[in-house]
Amino acid sequence: MSPDPDVDVIIPVHDPRRPIARAVGSVLDRNTVALRATVVCHNTSVATIRSLLTVHDGDPRLRFLALEDGIRSPTGPFNHGLDAATGRFTSVMGSDDELEPGAIDSWLSIADRDRASVVIPRLRHFGGRNVPTPPVRPGRRRNLDAVKDRLSYRSAPLGLVSRREFGAERFVPDLGSGEDVAYVTALWFSGHPISFDRHGPAYLIHNDAQDRVTTTQKPVSADLEFLRLLAHDPRFGRISEKQRLALVIKLIRIHIFGVVTNRPALESWTEADRHHLAETTRQLLAIAPATRRILSRADGRMLDAILDLAVPTQNLLARGLERRQFLRPSSILPGSLHHFLAREAPVRMMTASVLVRGAR
């Protein structure tokens, strides 16, 4: 194999209990293109991880890198693997996950056919349904548009990413969450060609890792730091008003509201948490004020509760539950009826998500 493969696949692993053999096998045994699987042994022994992959011992397509940084975050090993990549394309993968046969072959074929800088794969939960993101236009497969195809709803840079166009992009270090959002935002709004392997072999998401542990919940300020950084990223100011609106709506729907959904217990909230949630939300709304007119009316009431610190936290949590009752009129109607058929308004978003979920 050439020292410079077509695809460099980066798989961090921090614990030998991770099913790393499954992940690596799905890369090396199920594809025929020139590729390399780089296993980044993160704060764990290279020898131990290598012993789990003896079936591929001596395979020139497999290499091991060591990273000792004492930080339990995938950001460091992903960036370490990206630093070492020399292929035309990079691809990142979780050590828990798996690729369906021929996935990388399919992605690379599409990249070459479409001259695409990014190829987005279909995602599927192992044994379950497709993940309905991004909810692209029906039938659309190439020359995707960040706004028209709602690309921001894909928050992980899975699939293929061109090193020529994006070789300098990295995951944001020292974040508690959201380290990949700035990375994918740079991809989606770059203007470079993006394709979607809409019907090809899927990236399979597994949930069977044996080393998951319950950790102390981080402050809201830590969970939302990535949004503060993104809001001040100079690249944010260079995209169009329509692009900013689409991005902010997604950030609020998924990440701001997600903070409330993921903290259902009243005792898990502090005064500082409420303050940081409100301040980050204000920053985003200032960037795209039209957001409130497009989000559902239930979402609007949720925003009111977030921004008004006098609203009891118990009421905030109740509104979080209300907005997830998707068949209620308040969850379907946008803040302004003038925007009923807007691309990001509830009716079109729900329809697009259903269509993507049902695709093979």
Protein backbone atom coordinates (compact mmCIF):
# COMPACT_ATOMS: atom_id res chain seq x y z
CA MET A 1 0.00 0.00 0.00
CA SER A 2 1.14 3.55 -0.73
CA PRO A 3 2.34 5.47 2.33
CA ASP A 4 -0.41 7.95 1.55
CA PRO A 5 -3.76 6.16 1.49
CA ASP A 6 -6.94 7.53 -0.02
CA VAL A 7 -8.63 7.48 3.38
CA ASP A 8 -7.16 7.82 6.88
CA VAL A 9 -9.64 6.43 9.43
CA ILE A 10 -9.00 7.65 12.99
CA ILE A 11 -10.32 5.55 15.88
CA PRO A 12 -9.46 6.66 19.43
CA VAL A 13 -9.69 4.15 22.25
CA HIS A 14 -9.18 4.88 25.93
CA ASP A 15 -10.02 1.53 27.53
CA PRO A 16 -9.36 -2.09 26.51
CA ARG A 17 -12.97 -2.92 27.37
CA ARG A 18 -14.06 -0.98 24.32
CA PRO A 19 -15.01 -3.21 21.33
CA ILE A 20 -12.10 -1.86 19.31
CA ALA A 21 -11.67 -5.12 17.34
CA ARG A 22 -15.18 -4.75 15.96
CA ALA A 23 -14.57 -1.18 14.84
CA VAL A 24 -11.20 -1.91 13.24
CA GLY A 25 -12.46 -5.09 11.58
CA SER A 26 -15.34 -3.23 9.98
CA VAL A 27 -12.81 -0.86 8.40
CA LEU A 28 -10.09 -3.28 7.29
CA ASP A 29 -12.15 -6.37 6.43
CA ARG A 30 -15.13 -4.79 4.71
CA ASN A 31 -13.58 -2.31 2.26
CA THR A 32 -11.26 -2.57 -0.74
CA VAL A 33 -10.03 1.00 -1.27
CA ALA A 34 -6.59 2.16 -0.16
CA LEU A 35 -7.13 3.07 3.46
CA ARG A 36 -5.40 3.12 6.82
CA ALA A 37 -6.92 2.60 10.24
CA THR A 38 -5.12 4.65 12.87
CA VAL A 39 -5.90 3.49 16.40
CA VAL A 40 -5.02 6.24 18.86
CA CYS A 41 -4.36 4.62 22.25
CA HIS A 42 -5.45 7.36 24.59
CA ASN A 43 -4.15 7.15 28.14
CA THR A 44 -3.95 3.38 27.76
CA SER A 45 -1.26 0.88 26.80
CA VAL A 46 -0.52 0.44 23.11
CA ALA A 47 0.63 -3.12 23.79
CA THR A 48 -2.68 -3.97 25.46
CA ILE A 49 -4.76 -2.55 22.63
CA ARG A 50 -2.52 -4.22 20.04
CA SER A 51 -3.13 -7.58 21.76
CA LEU A 52 -6.85 -7.16 21.07
CA LEU A 53 -6.17 -6.86 17.34
CA THR A 54 -3.92 -9.87 16.71
CA VAL A 55 -6.11 -10.95 13.80
CA HIS A 56 -4.74 -7.91 11.97
CA ASP A 57 -1.18 -8.28 13.23
CA GLY A 58 1.22 -7.26 10.49
CA ASP A 59 -1.44 -5.60 8.33
CA PRO A 60 0.30 -2.53 6.83
CA ARG A 61 -3.05 -0.74 6.83
CA LEU A 62 -3.14 -0.66 10.63
CA ARG A 63 -1.06 1.66 12.78
CA PHE A 64 -1.06 2.59 16.44
CA LEU A 65 -0.41 6.00 17.95
CA ALA A 66 0.00 6.74 21.65
CA LEU A 67 -1.33 9.81 23.42
CA GLU A 68 -0.91 10.41 27.14
CA ASP A 69 -2.59 13.65 28.18
CA GLY A 70 -4.53 12.61 31.29
CA ILE A 71 -7.72 14.11 29.87
CA ARG A 72 -10.85 12.00 29.43
CA SER A 73 -12.07 13.54 26.21
CA PRO A 74 -12.01 12.26 22.61
CA THR A 75 -10.83 15.66 21.36
CA GLY A 76 -7.14 15.04 22.01
CA PRO A 77 -6.89 11.65 20.26
CA PHE A 78 -9.05 12.76 17.34
CA ASN A 79 -6.78 15.77 16.81
CA HIS A 80 -3.68 13.61 17.28
CA GLY A 81 -4.91 11.30 14.54
CA LEU A 82 -5.75 14.23 12.27
CA ASP A 83 -2.25 15.63 12.81
CA ALA A 84 -0.77 12.32 11.62
CA ALA A 85 -3.09 11.86 8.63
CA THR A 86 -1.65 11.96 5.11
CA GLY A 87 -4.54 10.57 3.05
CA ARG A 88 -6.71 12.45 0.60
CA PHE A 89 -9.61 12.13 3.03
CA THR A 90 -9.93 11.67 6.77
CA SER A 91 -12.68 9.83 8.59
CA VAL A 92 -13.28 9.70 12.34
CA MET A 93 -14.96 6.84 14.13
CA GLY A 94 -15.94 5.90 17.68
CA SER A 95 -14.39 2.76 19.12
CA ASP A 96 -17.90 1.53 20.04
CA ASP A 97 -19.17 1.80 16.49
CA GLU A 98 -19.07 -0.18 13.26
CA LEU A 99 -19.35 0.28 9.51
CA GLU A 100 -21.62 -1.75 7.30
CA PRO A 101 -19.75 -3.68 4.55
CA GLY A 102 -18.43 -1.46 1.79
CA ALA A 103 -19.19 1.83 3.56
CA ILE A 104 -15.84 3.50 2.88
CA ASP A 105 -15.77 2.11 -0.67
CA SER A 106 -19.16 3.72 -1.25
CA TRP A 107 -18.16 7.07 0.29
CA LEU A 108 -14.98 7.31 -1.74
CA SER A 109 -16.76 6.39 -4.95
CA ILE A 110 -19.24 9.19 -4.33
CA ALA A 111 -16.47 11.66 -3.47
CA ASP A 112 -14.65 10.92 -6.71
CA ARG A 113 -17.81 10.89 -8.83
CA ASP A 114 -19.16 14.16 -7.41
CA ARG A 115 -15.77 15.80 -6.76
CA ALA A 116 -17.09 16.26 -3.25
CA SER A 117 -15.03 17.64 -0.40
CA VAL A 118 -17.29 16.01 2.20
CA VAL A 119 -19.39 12.85 2.03
CA ILE A 120 -22.04 12.42 4.71
CA PRO A 121 -22.98 8.80 5.54
CA ARG A 122 -26.30 7.38 6.55
CA LEU A 123 -26.40 6.76 10.32
CA ARG A 124 -28.25 3.89 11.92
CA HIS A 125 -28.53 2.58 15.45
CA PHE A 126 -27.44 -1.05 15.49
CA GLY A 127 -30.59 -3.14 15.28
CA GLY A 128 -32.73 -0.02 15.02
CA ARG A 129 -33.82 2.86 12.84
CA ASN A 130 -31.97 5.39 10.77
CA VAL A 131 -30.91 8.57 12.55
CA PRO A 132 -32.95 11.34 10.85
CA THR A 133 -30.12 13.84 10.50
CA PRO A 134 -29.50 15.80 8.48
CA PRO A 135 -33.11 16.13 7.22
CA VAL A 136 -32.03 16.92 3.65
CA ARG A 137 -34.34 17.64 0.74
CA PRO A 138 -36.11 14.51 -0.56
CA GLY A 139 -33.92 12.65 -3.03
CA ARG A 140 -31.02 15.07 -2.72
CA ARG A 141 -27.59 13.39 -2.86
CA ARG A 142 -25.03 15.89 -4.16
CA ASN A 143 -24.16 19.57 -4.01
CA LEU A 144 -25.95 19.87 -0.69
CA ASP A 145 -26.74 23.32 0.65
CA ALA A 146 -26.14 24.18 4.30
CA VAL A 147 -29.52 25.91 4.63
CA LYS A 148 -31.74 24.06 2.15
CA ASP A 149 -30.53 20.66 3.37
CA ARG A 150 -30.36 21.59 7.07
CA LEU A 151 -26.81 20.30 7.39
CA SER A 152 -26.28 21.79 10.86
CA TYR A 153 -28.42 19.01 12.32
CA ARG A 154 -25.54 16.61 11.68
CA SER A 155 -23.24 17.53 14.57
CA ALA A 156 -20.54 14.89 14.06
CA PRO A 157 -18.05 14.96 11.15
CA LEU A 158 -18.58 11.31 10.22
CA GLY A 159 -17.96 10.07 6.69
CA LEU A 160 -15.21 11.58 4.53
CA VAL A 161 -13.57 14.99 4.87
CA SER A 162 -11.06 16.27 2.34
CA ARG A 163 -7.63 17.09 3.75
CA ARG A 164 -6.95 19.50 0.91
CA GLU A 165 -9.85 21.77 1.88
CA PHE A 166 -10.13 21.05 5.61
CA GLY A 167 -6.73 19.74 6.69
CA ALA A 168 -6.33 22.56 9.20
CA GLU A 169 -9.66 21.97 10.96
CA ARG A 170 -9.55 20.44 14.43
CA PHE A 171 -11.89 19.61 17.27
CA VAL A 172 -11.97 22.35 19.90
CA PRO A 173 -9.91 21.29 22.95
CA ASP A 174 -10.75 21.75 26.62
CA LEU A 175 -14.52 21.60 26.25
CA GLY A 176 -16.95 19.52 28.30
CA SER A 177 -19.18 18.97 25.27
CA GLY A 178 -19.79 20.21 21.75
CA GLU A 179 -16.13 19.96 20.71
CA ASP A 180 -17.13 18.92 17.18
CA VAL A 181 -19.77 21.60 16.47
CA ALA A 182 -17.34 24.28 15.29
CA TYR A 183 -15.62 21.65 13.12
CA VAL A 184 -18.79 20.65 11.31
CA THR A 185 -19.99 24.24 11.07
CA ALA A 186 -16.80 25.01 9.15
CA LEU A 187 -17.59 22.10 6.79
CA TRP A 188 -21.25 22.87 6.18
CA PHE A 189 -20.84 26.58 5.50
CA SER A 190 -17.60 26.38 3.54
CA GLY A 191 -19.18 26.44 0.09
CA HIS A 192 -17.24 23.31 -0.93
CA PRO A 193 -19.18 20.42 -2.57
CA ILE A 194 -20.92 18.09 -0.10
CA SER A 195 -22.60 14.79 -0.98
CA PHE A 196 -24.89 12.48 0.98
CA ASP A 197 -24.62 8.69 0.66
CA ARG A 198 -28.35 8.52 1.14
CA HIS A 199 -28.90 4.83 0.37
CA GLY A 200 -25.44 3.35 0.90
CA PRO A 201 -23.97 1.24 3.72
CA ALA A 202 -24.53 2.88 7.07
CA TYR A 203 -22.34 3.99 9.92
CA LEU A 204 -23.67 1.86 12.79
CA ILE A 205 -23.97 3.41 16.24
CA HIS A 206 -23.62 0.91 19.09
CA ASN A 207 -24.49 1.40 22.75
CA ASP A 208 -22.94 -1.71 24.26
CA ALA A 209 -19.66 -0.35 25.66
CA GLN A 210 -18.91 -1.92 29.05
CA ASP A 211 -16.98 0.95 30.63
CA ARG A 212 -19.60 3.65 30.78
CA VAL A 213 -19.80 5.25 34.20
CA THR A 214 -22.05 7.86 35.75
CA THR A 215 -20.18 11.10 36.23
CA THR A 216 -20.94 14.23 38.18
CA GLN A 217 -23.05 16.59 36.12
CA LYS A 218 -21.08 19.54 34.81
CA PRO A 219 -22.23 23.13 35.30
CA VAL A 220 -24.32 24.58 32.48
CA SER A 221 -21.48 27.03 31.80
CA ALA A 222 -19.22 24.09 30.89
CA ASP A 223 -21.88 22.38 28.79
CA LEU A 224 -22.50 25.56 26.78
CA GLU A 225 -18.98 26.93 26.49
CA PHE A 226 -18.78 25.66 22.90
CA LEU A 227 -21.75 27.85 21.96
CA ARG A 228 -20.14 30.94 23.46
CA LEU A 229 -16.97 30.27 21.50
CA LEU A 230 -18.92 29.62 18.30
CA ALA A 231 -20.90 32.84 18.68
CA HIS A 232 -17.61 34.78 18.82
CA ASP A 233 -15.94 32.85 16.01
CA PRO A 234 -15.11 35.36 13.23
CA ARG A 235 -16.22 32.82 10.63
CA PHE A 236 -19.73 33.09 12.08
CA GLY A 237 -19.87 36.73 11.01
CA ARG A 238 -18.86 35.93 7.44
CA ILE A 239 -21.79 33.67 6.62
CA SER A 240 -25.04 35.08 5.26
CA GLU A 241 -28.03 36.16 7.34
CA LYS A 242 -30.03 33.14 6.15
CA GLN A 243 -27.19 30.83 7.12
CA ARG A 244 -26.89 32.38 10.57
CA LEU A 245 -30.63 31.98 11.08
CA ALA A 246 -30.59 28.30 10.11
CA LEU A 247 -27.61 27.63 12.35
CA VAL A 248 -28.98 29.49 15.38
CA ILE A 249 -32.35 27.73 15.14
CA LYS A 250 -30.56 24.39 15.23
CA LEU A 251 -28.30 25.42 18.11
CA ILE A 252 -31.29 26.49 20.18
CA ARG A 253 -33.47 23.50 19.30
CA ILE A 254 -30.83 20.90 19.92
CA HIS A 255 -28.31 22.34 22.37
CA ILE A 256 -30.06 25.07 24.39
CA PHE A 257 -33.28 23.11 24.82
CA GLY A 258 -31.22 19.95 25.21
CA VAL A 259 -29.64 21.32 28.38
CA VAL A 260 -33.10 21.52 29.96
CA THR A 261 -34.16 18.10 28.67
CA ASN A 262 -30.99 16.50 30.04
CA ARG A 263 -31.47 18.03 33.51
CA PRO A 264 -35.00 16.95 34.47
CA ALA A 265 -34.33 16.97 38.24
CA LEU A 266 -35.06 20.25 40.00
CA GLU A 267 -32.16 19.74 42.41
CA SER A 268 -29.64 19.59 39.55
CA TRP A 269 -30.14 23.30 38.81
CA THR A 270 -28.35 26.22 40.45
CA GLU A 271 -28.82 29.95 40.15
CA ALA A 272 -25.56 30.12 38.18
CA ASP A 273 -26.86 27.45 35.78
CA ARG A 274 -29.97 29.51 35.03
CA HIS A 275 -27.86 32.63 34.52
CA HIS A 276 -25.49 30.97 32.04
CA LEU A 277 -28.35 29.36 30.14
CA ALA A 278 -30.12 32.71 29.78
CA GLU A 279 -26.97 34.60 28.78
CA THR A 280 -25.94 32.08 26.11
CA THR A 281 -29.48 32.07 24.71
CA ARG A 282 -29.48 35.88 24.50
CA GLN A 283 -26.19 35.81 22.60
CA LEU A 284 -27.60 33.42 20.02
CA LEU A 285 -30.89 35.29 19.60
CA ALA A 286 -28.98 38.54 19.08
CA ILE A 287 -27.23 36.92 16.11
CA ALA A 288 -30.50 35.80 14.51
CA PRO A 289 -33.52 37.68 15.99
CA ALA A 290 -35.95 36.08 13.50
CA THR A 291 -35.47 32.76 15.29
CA ARG A 292 -38.46 33.29 17.56
CA ARG A 293 -40.83 33.84 14.63
CA ILE A 294 -39.95 30.44 13.14
CA LEU A 295 -39.69 28.22 16.19
CA SER A 296 -42.94 26.71 17.45
CA ARG A 297 -45.08 28.58 19.94
CA ALA A 298 -44.25 25.97 22.56
CA ASP A 299 -40.57 26.67 21.86
CA GLY A 300 -41.26 30.38 22.24
CA ARG A 301 -42.72 29.82 25.70
CA MET A 302 -39.66 27.76 26.51
CA LEU A 303 -37.43 30.65 25.45
CA ASP A 304 -39.45 33.04 27.63
CA ALA A 305 -38.88 30.79 30.64
CA ILE A 306 -35.15 30.50 29.89
CA LEU A 307 -34.65 34.25 29.52
CA ASP A 308 -36.73 35.28 32.54
CA LEU A 309 -34.79 34.29 35.64
CA ALA A 310 -37.86 35.05 37.75
CA VAL A 311 -39.62 32.02 36.25
CA PRO A 312 -39.26 29.15 38.74
CA THR A 313 -37.04 26.34 37.52
CA GLN A 314 -39.91 23.91 38.05
CA ASN A 315 -41.92 25.87 35.47
CA LEU A 316 -38.95 25.88 33.09
CA LEU A 317 -38.76 22.10 33.28
CA ALA A 318 -42.52 21.81 32.69
CA ARG A 319 -42.24 23.89 29.53
CA GLY A 320 -39.45 21.63 28.39
CA LEU A 321 -41.85 18.69 28.60
CA GLU A 322 -44.63 20.61 26.87
CA ARG A 323 -42.53 21.45 23.82
CA ARG A 324 -41.86 17.75 23.26
CA GLN A 325 -45.57 16.97 22.78
CA PHE A 326 -45.14 17.28 19.05
CA LEU A 327 -48.74 16.79 17.92
CA ARG A 328 -50.16 19.68 19.92
CA PRO A 329 -51.04 22.84 17.96
CA SER A 330 -48.52 24.84 19.98
CA SER A 331 -45.77 22.47 18.80
CA ILE A 332 -46.81 22.75 15.15
CA LEU A 333 -47.61 26.43 14.76
CA PRO A 334 -44.62 28.80 14.45
CA GLY A 335 -44.35 32.00 16.42
CA SER A 336 -45.53 33.89 13.33
CA LEU A 337 -48.07 32.28 10.99
CA HIS A 338 -46.37 34.16 8.16
CA HIS A 339 -43.54 31.60 8.58
CA PHE A 340 -45.78 28.52 8.70
CA LEU A 341 -44.09 26.99 5.65
CA ALA A 342 -40.58 28.26 6.37
CA ARG A 343 -37.90 25.62 5.88
CA GLU A 344 -37.01 25.51 9.60
CA ALA A 345 -40.60 25.84 10.82
CA PRO A 346 -42.09 22.80 12.60
CA VAL A 347 -44.22 21.36 9.77
CA ARG A 348 -41.44 21.16 7.18
CA MET A 349 -38.86 20.04 9.72
CA MET A 350 -41.06 17.19 10.94
CA THR A 351 -41.85 16.09 7.38
CA ALA A 352 -38.19 16.11 6.31
CA SER A 353 -37.16 14.13 9.39
CA VAL A 354 -39.76 11.45 8.71
CA LEU A 355 -38.61 11.11 5.08
CA VAL A 356 -34.97 10.72 6.07
CA ARG A 357 -35.78 8.27 8.88
CA GLY A 358 -37.60 6.03 6.41
CA ALA A 359 -34.86 5.98 3.76
CA ARG A 360 -32.91 2.74 3.20
